[in-house]
Amino acid sequence: MKNLVWFLIGVIGGFVAAHFMNKDPRGHEVLADADARITEFTTILGDAYREQAARLVEPDQN
């Protein structure tokens, strides 16, 4: 239970820090850059997943 409390304090603290960071123009730029990188990463993962799923569904064309 103690670990859960510390985990929740960390998550809430992170949201509060991100909120204050987003108010500053430089912080907003850093967060926007991080968001763009995460979006790019998840797009690449999604494309790779869909490509692999298509390969598994399509019959072998040999």
PDB file of N, CA and C in Angstrom:
ATOM      1  N   MET A   1       0.826  -1.193   0.000  1.00  0.00           N
ATOM      2  CA  MET A   1       0.000   0.000   0.000  1.00  0.00           C
ATOM      3  C   MET A   1       0.873   1.260   0.000  1.00  0.00           C
ATOM      4  N   LYS A   2       1.983   1.169   0.735  1.00  0.00           N
ATOM      5  CA  LYS A   2       2.890   2.309   0.811  1.00  0.00           C
ATOM      6  C   LYS A   2       3.465   2.635  -0.579  1.00  0.00           C
ATOM      7  N   ASN A   3       3.798   1.594  -1.344  1.00  0.00           N
ATOM      8  CA  ASN A   3       4.339   1.802  -2.691  1.00  0.00           C
ATOM      9  C   ASN A   3       3.306   2.435  -3.613  1.00  0.00           C
ATOM     10  N   LEU A   4       2.050   2.057  -3.449  1.00  0.00           N
ATOM     11  CA  LEU A   4       0.989   2.642  -4.260  1.00  0.00           C
ATOM     12  C   LEU A   4       0.846   4.130  -3.974  1.00  0.00           C
ATOM     13  N   VAL A   5       0.945   4.507  -2.729  1.00  0.00           N
ATOM     14  CA  VAL A   5       0.853   5.924  -2.358  1.00  0.00           C
ATOM     15  C   VAL A   5       1.998   6.701  -2.988  1.00  0.00           C
ATOM     16  N   TRP A   6       3.216   6.170  -2.918  1.00  0.00           N
ATOM     17  CA  TRP A   6       4.346   6.856  -3.528  1.00  0.00           C
ATOM     18  C   TRP A   6       4.203   6.943  -5.055  1.00  0.00           C
ATOM     19  N   PHE A   7       3.677   5.888  -5.646  1.00  0.00           N
ATOM     20  CA  PHE A   7       3.440   5.900  -7.090  1.00  0.00           C
ATOM     21  C   PHE A   7       2.442   6.998  -7.456  1.00  0.00           C
ATOM     22  N   LEU A   8       1.341   7.089  -6.718  1.00  0.00           N
ATOM     23  CA  LEU A   8       0.331   8.114  -6.991  1.00  0.00           C
ATOM     24  C   LEU A   8       0.881   9.511  -6.766  1.00  0.00           C
ATOM     25  N   ILE A   9       1.684   9.696  -5.730  1.00  0.00           N
ATOM     26  CA  ILE A   9       2.309  10.998  -5.489  1.00  0.00           C
ATOM     27  C   ILE A   9       3.212  11.366  -6.665  1.00  0.00           C
ATOM     28  N   GLY A  10       3.961  10.397  -7.182  1.00  0.00           N
ATOM     29  CA  GLY A  10       4.832  10.646  -8.332  1.00  0.00           C
ATOM     30  C   GLY A  10       4.053  11.007  -9.583  1.00  0.00           C
ATOM     31  N   VAL A  11       2.957  10.293  -9.842  1.00  0.00           N
ATOM     32  CA  VAL A  11       2.137  10.574 -11.031  1.00  0.00           C
ATOM     33  C   VAL A  11       1.501  11.960 -10.917  1.00  0.00           C
ATOM     34  N   ILE A  12       0.933  12.248  -9.769  1.00  0.00           N
ATOM     35  CA  ILE A  12       0.293  13.552  -9.569  1.00  0.00           C
ATOM     36  C   ILE A  12       1.339  14.664  -9.643  1.00  0.00           C
ATOM     37  N   GLY A  13       2.489  14.446  -9.044  1.00  0.00           N
ATOM     38  CA  GLY A  13       3.568  15.433  -9.117  1.00  0.00           C
ATOM     39  C   GLY A  13       4.025  15.664 -10.546  1.00  0.00           C
ATOM     40  N   GLY A  14       4.068  14.611 -11.331  1.00  0.00           N
ATOM     41  CA  GLY A  14       4.454  14.757 -12.739  1.00  0.00           C
ATOM     42  C   GLY A  14       3.450  15.577 -13.523  1.00  0.00           C
ATOM     43  N   PHE A  15       2.162  15.356 -13.264  1.00  0.00           N
ATOM     44  CA  PHE A  15       1.143  16.147 -13.948  1.00  0.00           C
ATOM     45  C   PHE A  15       1.212  17.612 -13.547  1.00  0.00           C
ATOM     46  N   VAL A  16       1.442  17.863 -12.270  1.00  0.00           N
ATOM     47  CA  VAL A  16       1.545  19.251 -11.799  1.00  0.00           C
ATOM     48  C   VAL A  16       2.765  19.921 -12.418  1.00  0.00           C
ATOM     49  N   ALA A  17       3.901  19.214 -12.442  1.00  0.00           N
ATOM     50  CA  ALA A  17       5.114  19.777 -13.039  1.00  0.00           C
ATOM     51  C   ALA A  17       4.911  20.051 -14.529  1.00  0.00           C
ATOM     52  N   ALA A  18       4.264  19.135 -15.236  1.00  0.00           N
ATOM     53  CA  ALA A  18       4.017  19.339 -16.670  1.00  0.00           C
ATOM     54  C   ALA A  18       3.076  20.516 -16.895  1.00  0.00           C
ATOM     55  N   HIS A  19       2.110  20.688 -16.006  1.00  0.00           N
ATOM     56  CA  HIS A  19       1.178  21.816 -16.135  1.00  0.00           C
ATOM     57  C   HIS A  19       1.921  23.144 -16.011  1.00  0.00           C
ATOM     58  N   PHE A  20       2.777  23.267 -14.995  1.00  0.00           N
ATOM     59  CA  PHE A  20       3.535  24.501 -14.812  1.00  0.00           C
ATOM     60  C   PHE A  20       4.560  24.688 -15.929  1.00  0.00           C
ATOM     61  N   MET A  21       5.138  23.600 -16.378  1.00  0.00           N
ATOM     62  CA  MET A  21       6.114  23.673 -17.464  1.00  0.00           C
ATOM     63  C   MET A  21       5.439  24.143 -18.756  1.00  0.00           C
ATOM     64  N   ASN A  22       4.218  23.722 -18.981  1.00  0.00           N
ATOM     65  CA  ASN A  22       3.492  24.083 -20.190  1.00  0.00           C
ATOM     66  C   ASN A  22       3.136  25.563 -20.213  1.00  0.00           C
ATOM     67  N   LYS A  23       3.049  26.200 -19.060  1.00  0.00           N
ATOM     68  CA  LYS A  23       2.728  27.633 -19.005  1.00  0.00           C
ATOM     69  C   LYS A  23       3.876  28.494 -19.517  1.00  0.00           C
ATOM     70  N   ASP A  24       5.110  28.033 -19.343  1.00  0.00           N
ATOM     71  CA  ASP A  24       6.289  28.763 -19.802  1.00  0.00           C
ATOM     72  C   ASP A  24       6.488  28.492 -21.292  1.00  0.00           C
ATOM     73  N   PRO A  25       6.772  29.520 -22.095  1.00  0.00           N
ATOM     74  CA  PRO A  25       6.954  29.286 -23.546  1.00  0.00           C
ATOM     75  C   PRO A  25       8.054  28.265 -23.864  1.00  0.00           C
ATOM     76  N   ARG A  26       9.162  28.315 -23.130  1.00  0.00           N
ATOM     77  CA  ARG A  26      10.230  27.343 -23.379  1.00  0.00           C
ATOM     78  C   ARG A  26       9.784  25.938 -22.988  1.00  0.00           C
ATOM     79  N   GLY A  27       9.092  25.840 -21.865  1.00  0.00           N
ATOM     80  CA  GLY A  27       8.584  24.545 -21.432  1.00  0.00           C
ATOM     81  C   GLY A  27       7.553  24.004 -22.398  1.00  0.00           C
ATOM     82  N   HIS A  28       6.707  24.897 -22.915  1.00  0.00           N
ATOM     83  CA  HIS A  28       5.709  24.497 -23.899  1.00  0.00           C
ATOM     84  C   HIS A  28       6.385  23.918 -25.137  1.00  0.00           C
ATOM     85  N   GLU A  29       7.487  24.550 -25.547  1.00  0.00           N
ATOM     86  CA  GLU A  29       8.229  24.065 -26.714  1.00  0.00           C
ATOM     87  C   GLU A  29       8.831  22.685 -26.446  1.00  0.00           C
ATOM     88  N   VAL A  30       9.370  22.476 -25.253  1.00  0.00           N
ATOM     89  CA  VAL A  30       9.955  21.183 -24.890  1.00  0.00           C
ATOM     90  C   VAL A  30       8.874  20.099 -24.890  1.00  0.00           C
ATOM     91  N   LEU A  31       7.729  20.410 -24.287  1.00  0.00           N
ATOM     92  CA  LEU A  31       6.645  19.431 -24.243  1.00  0.00           C
ATOM     93  C   LEU A  31       6.095  19.139 -25.643  1.00  0.00           C
ATOM     94  N   ALA A  32       6.020  20.161 -26.487  1.00  0.00           N
ATOM     95  CA  ALA A  32       5.550  19.950 -27.860  1.00  0.00           C
ATOM     96  C   ALA A  32       6.527  19.061 -28.626  1.00  0.00           C
ATOM     97  N   ASP A  33       7.817  19.258 -28.405  1.00  0.00           N
ATOM     98  CA  ASP A  33       8.824  18.426 -29.061  1.00  0.00           C
ATOM     99  C   ASP A  33       8.722  16.976 -28.586  1.00  0.00           C
ATOM    100  N   ALA A  34       8.555  16.797 -27.291  1.00  0.00           N
ATOM    101  CA  ALA A  34       8.403  15.442 -26.747  1.00  0.00           C
ATOM    102  C   ALA A  34       7.142  14.784 -27.302  1.00  0.00           C
ATOM    103  N   ASP A  35       6.061  15.543 -27.389  1.00  0.00           N
ATOM    104  CA  ASP A  35       4.810  15.002 -27.938  1.00  0.00           C
ATOM    105  C   ASP A  35       4.990  14.598 -29.400  1.00  0.00           C
ATOM    106  N   ALA A  36       5.710  15.416 -30.170  1.00  0.00           N
ATOM    107  CA  ALA A  36       5.942  15.093 -31.582  1.00  0.00           C
ATOM    108  C   ALA A  36       6.758  13.810 -31.716  1.00  0.00           C
ATOM    109  N   ARG A  37       7.761  13.640 -30.860  1.00  0.00           N
ATOM    110  CA  ARG A  37       8.589  12.428 -30.912  1.00  0.00           C
ATOM    111  C   ARG A  37       7.773  11.194 -30.529  1.00  0.00           C
ATOM    112  N   ILE A  38       6.939  11.337 -29.509  1.00  0.00           N
ATOM    113  CA  ILE A  38       6.105  10.206 -29.089  1.00  0.00           C
ATOM    114  C   ILE A  38       5.115   9.852 -30.191  1.00  0.00           C
ATOM    115  N   THR A  39       4.525  10.858 -30.817  1.00  0.00           N
ATOM    116  CA  THR A  39       3.580  10.621 -31.910  1.00  0.00           C
ATOM    117  C   THR A  39       4.272   9.916 -33.079  1.00  0.00           C
ATOM    118  N   GLU A  40       5.481  10.361 -33.411  1.00  0.00           N
ATOM    119  CA  GLU A  40       6.239   9.725 -34.488  1.00  0.00           C
ATOM    120  C   GLU A  40       6.528   8.258 -34.147  1.00  0.00           C
ATOM    121  N   PHE A  41       6.941   8.006 -32.918  1.00  0.00           N
ATOM    122  CA  PHE A  41       7.250   6.649 -32.476  1.00  0.00           C
ATOM    123  C   PHE A  41       6.019   5.750 -32.535  1.00  0.00           C
ATOM    124  N   THR A  42       4.886   6.239 -32.029  1.00  0.00           N
ATOM    125  CA  THR A  42       3.682   5.408 -32.034  1.00  0.00           C
ATOM    126  C   THR A  42       3.163   5.191 -33.453  1.00  0.00           C
ATOM    127  N   THR A  43       3.366   6.157 -34.337  1.00  0.00           N
ATOM    128  CA  THR A  43       2.972   5.987 -35.737  1.00  0.00           C
ATOM    129  C   THR A  43       3.803   4.879 -36.385  1.00  0.00           C
ATOM    130  N   ILE A  44       5.101   4.884 -36.128  1.00  0.00           N
ATOM    131  CA  ILE A  44       5.984   3.852 -36.678  1.00  0.00           C
ATOM    132  C   ILE A  44       5.581   2.478 -36.142  1.00  0.00           C
ATOM    133  N   LEU A  45       5.311   2.391 -34.838  1.00  0.00           N
ATOM    134  CA  LEU A  45       4.882   1.117 -34.262  1.00  0.00           C
ATOM    135  C   LEU A  45       3.559   0.653 -34.856  1.00  0.00           C
ATOM    136  N   GLY A  46       2.613   1.567 -35.022  1.00  0.00           N
ATOM    137  CA  GLY A  46       1.314   1.214 -35.594  1.00  0.00           C
ATOM    138  C   GLY A  46       1.440   0.730 -37.024  1.00  0.00           C
ATOM    139  N   ASP A  47       2.266   1.413 -37.814  1.00  0.00           N
ATOM    140  CA  ASP A  47       2.481   0.998 -39.201  1.00  0.00           C
ATOM    141  C   ASP A  47       3.112  -0.394 -39.267  1.00  0.00           C
ATOM    142  N   ALA A  48       4.101  -0.626 -38.413  1.00  0.00           N
ATOM    143  CA  ALA A  48       4.760  -1.937 -38.399  1.00  0.00           C
ATOM    144  C   ALA A  48       3.781  -3.026 -37.973  1.00  0.00           C
ATOM    145  N   TYR A  49       2.934  -2.725 -37.001  1.00  0.00           N
ATOM    146  CA  TYR A  49       1.940  -3.703 -36.548  1.00  0.00           C
ATOM    147  C   TYR A  49       0.951  -4.033 -37.666  1.00  0.00           C
ATOM    148  N   ARG A  50       0.444  -2.996 -38.337  1.00  0.00           N
ATOM    149  CA  ARG A  50      -0.509  -3.227 -39.424  1.00  0.00           C
ATOM    150  C   ARG A  50       0.140  -3.987 -40.579  1.00  0.00           C
ATOM    151  N   GLU A  51       1.398  -3.685 -40.868  1.00  0.00           N
ATOM    152  CA  GLU A  51       2.110  -4.398 -41.935  1.00  0.00           C
ATOM    153  C   GLU A  51       2.267  -5.876 -41.579  1.00  0.00           C
ATOM    154  N   GLN A  52       2.634  -6.152 -40.345  1.00  0.00           N
ATOM    155  CA  GLN A  52       2.801  -7.545 -39.905  1.00  0.00           C
ATOM    156  C   GLN A  52       1.448  -8.262 -39.895  1.00  0.00           C
ATOM    157  N   ALA A  53       0.408  -7.598 -39.450  1.00  0.00           N
ATOM    158  CA  ALA A  53      -0.922  -8.210 -39.424  1.00  0.00           C
ATOM    159  C   ALA A  53      -1.379  -8.523 -40.845  1.00  0.00           C
ATOM    160  N   ALA A  54      -1.085  -7.625 -41.795  1.00  0.00           N
ATOM    161  CA  ALA A  54      -1.462  -7.868 -43.186  1.00  0.00           C
ATOM    162  C   ALA A  54      -0.709  -9.073 -43.747  1.00  0.00           C
ATOM    163  N   ARG A  55       0.568  -9.205 -43.378  1.00  0.00           N
ATOM    164  CA  ARG A  55       1.346 -10.353 -43.836  1.00  0.00           C
ATOM    165  C   ARG A  55       0.779 -11.658 -43.316  1.00  0.00           C
ATOM    166  N   LEU A  56       0.325 -11.648 -42.090  1.00  0.00           N
ATOM    167  CA  LEU A  56      -0.214 -12.882 -41.504  1.00  0.00           C
ATOM    168  C   LEU A  56      -1.580 -13.248 -42.074  1.00  0.00           C
ATOM    169  N   VAL A  57      -2.356 -12.250 -42.505  1.00  0.00           N
ATOM    170  CA  VAL A  57      -3.690 -12.497 -43.025  1.00  0.00           C
ATOM    171  C   VAL A  57      -3.651 -12.904 -44.495  1.00  0.00           C
ATOM    172  N   GLU A  58      -2.750 -12.302 -45.274  1.00  0.00           N
ATOM    173  CA  GLU A  58      -2.675 -12.587 -46.708  1.00  0.00           C
ATOM    174  C   GLU A  58      -2.160 -13.998 -46.945  1.00  0.00           C
ATOM    175  N   PRO A  59      -2.731 -14.699 -47.929  1.00  0.00           N
ATOM    176  CA  PRO A  59      -2.181 -16.017 -48.275  1.00  0.00           C
ATOM    177  C   PRO A  59      -0.806 -15.877 -48.904  1.00  0.00           C
ATOM    178  N   ASP A  60      -0.002 -16.883 -48.751  1.00  0.00           N
ATOM    179  CA  ASP A  60       1.344 -16.872 -49.311  1.00  0.00           C
ATOM    180  C   ASP A  60       1.236 -16.857 -50.830  1.00  0.00           C
ATOM    181  N   GLN A  61       1.972 -15.932 -51.491  1.00  0.00           N
ATOM    182  CA  GLN A  61       1.829 -15.773 -52.936  1.00  0.00           C
ATOM    183  C   GLN A  61       3.039 -16.348 -53.658  1.00  0.00           C
ATOM    184  N   ASN A  62       3.423 -17.558 -53.349  1.00  0.00           N
ATOM    185  CA  ASN A  62       4.539 -18.231 -54.035  1.00  0.00           C
ATOM    186  C   ASN A  62       4.034 -19.185 -55.061  1.00  0.00           C
TER     187      ASN A  62
END
